[in-house]
Amino acid sequence: MSNTSVPGECPECGEVIQYNGTDIEDNNLYRECECLGCGWTGKEWYQLQYIETINENHEPENDVYDDDNEQVLRW
């Protein structure tokens, strides 16, 4: 068994996993997954973080800054 979790990799055998669904709980998102190699099943968990509020034209209402007070560039 692997000592560290790697997104998209089976923690039992290291093969690529297949995703079967996604759901949100509180500020977390999980992806149900299974390994087609060894049969392992489980969930990958991700933490959600607020980024910004935009208007209906998808334009930011104000500038966004990181923890170091640097303006975050938009994509």
Protein backbone atom coordinates (compact mmCIF):
# COMPACT_ATOMS: atom_id res chain seq x y z
CA MET A 1 0.00 0.00 0.00
CA SER A 2 1.20 3.53 -0.79
CA ASN A 3 2.11 5.84 2.12
CA THR A 4 0.81 8.97 0.38
CA SER A 5 -2.37 9.72 -1.52
CA VAL A 6 -2.03 10.81 -5.13
CA PRO A 7 -5.12 12.11 -6.96
CA GLY A 8 -6.14 9.71 -9.71
CA GLU A 9 -3.99 6.85 -8.40
CA CYS A 10 -5.18 3.77 -6.52
CA PRO A 11 -3.80 3.82 -2.94
CA GLU A 12 -3.60 -0.01 -2.96
CA CYS A 13 -1.89 -0.88 -6.25
CA GLY A 14 -0.94 2.45 -7.88
CA GLU A 15 -3.05 1.96 -11.02
CA VAL A 16 -5.12 4.80 -12.50
CA ILE A 17 -8.59 4.97 -10.92
CA GLN A 18 -11.95 5.50 -12.59
CA TYR A 19 -14.35 8.18 -11.29
CA ASN A 20 -18.03 7.36 -10.86
CA GLY A 21 -19.60 10.49 -9.38
CA THR A 22 -19.05 13.77 -7.58
CA ASP A 23 -20.84 15.34 -4.60
CA ILE A 24 -20.40 18.24 -2.18
CA GLU A 25 -20.58 18.13 1.63
CA ASP A 26 -20.13 21.41 3.52
CA ASN A 27 -16.93 22.99 2.11
CA ASN A 28 -15.67 19.70 0.69
CA LEU A 29 -16.11 17.92 -2.61
CA TYR A 30 -15.61 14.20 -3.07
CA ARG A 31 -15.28 12.00 -6.12
CA GLU A 32 -16.37 8.38 -5.87
CA CYS A 33 -13.79 6.18 -7.51
CA GLU A 34 -12.72 2.62 -8.14
CA CYS A 35 -9.63 0.83 -9.38
CA LEU A 36 -10.24 -1.41 -12.35
CA GLY A 37 -6.95 -3.18 -11.60
CA CYS A 38 -7.44 -4.43 -8.02
CA GLY A 39 -11.10 -3.59 -7.30
CA TRP A 40 -10.44 -0.99 -4.55
CA THR A 41 -13.29 1.53 -4.10
CA GLY A 42 -13.34 4.80 -2.17
CA LYS A 43 -13.55 8.58 -2.38
CA GLU A 44 -11.10 11.35 -3.19
CA TRP A 45 -11.78 14.41 -1.01
CA TYR A 46 -11.06 18.02 -1.99
CA GLN A 47 -11.45 21.18 0.09
CA LEU A 48 -13.42 24.00 -1.53
CA GLN A 49 -12.28 27.60 -1.09
CA TYR A 50 -14.14 30.82 -1.91
CA ILE A 51 -12.43 32.74 -4.72
CA GLU A 52 -14.62 35.68 -5.78
CA THR A 53 -18.08 37.00 -6.51
CA ILE A 54 -18.84 37.94 -10.12
CA ASN A 55 -21.78 39.67 -11.75
CA GLU A 56 -24.06 38.10 -14.36
CA ASN A 57 -21.64 39.19 -17.12
CA HIS A 58 -18.92 37.10 -15.42
CA GLU A 59 -16.99 40.22 -14.46
CA PRO A 60 -15.48 40.58 -10.99
CA GLU A 61 -17.18 43.00 -8.62
CA ASN A 62 -13.84 43.91 -7.05
CA ASP A 63 -10.19 42.91 -7.05
CA VAL A 64 -9.16 39.74 -5.24
CA TYR A 65 -6.04 39.57 -3.06
CA ASP A 66 -4.16 36.62 -1.58
CA ASP A 67 -2.88 36.24 2.00
CA ASP A 68 0.22 38.33 1.16
CA ASN A 69 -2.00 41.18 -0.08
CA GLU A 70 -0.94 40.51 -3.69
CA GLN A 71 -3.62 40.92 -6.36
CA VAL A 72 -4.71 37.58 -7.77
CA LEU A 73 -4.50 37.44 -11.56
CA ARG A 74 -7.58 36.29 -13.41
CA TRP A 75 -7.70 33.71 -16.16
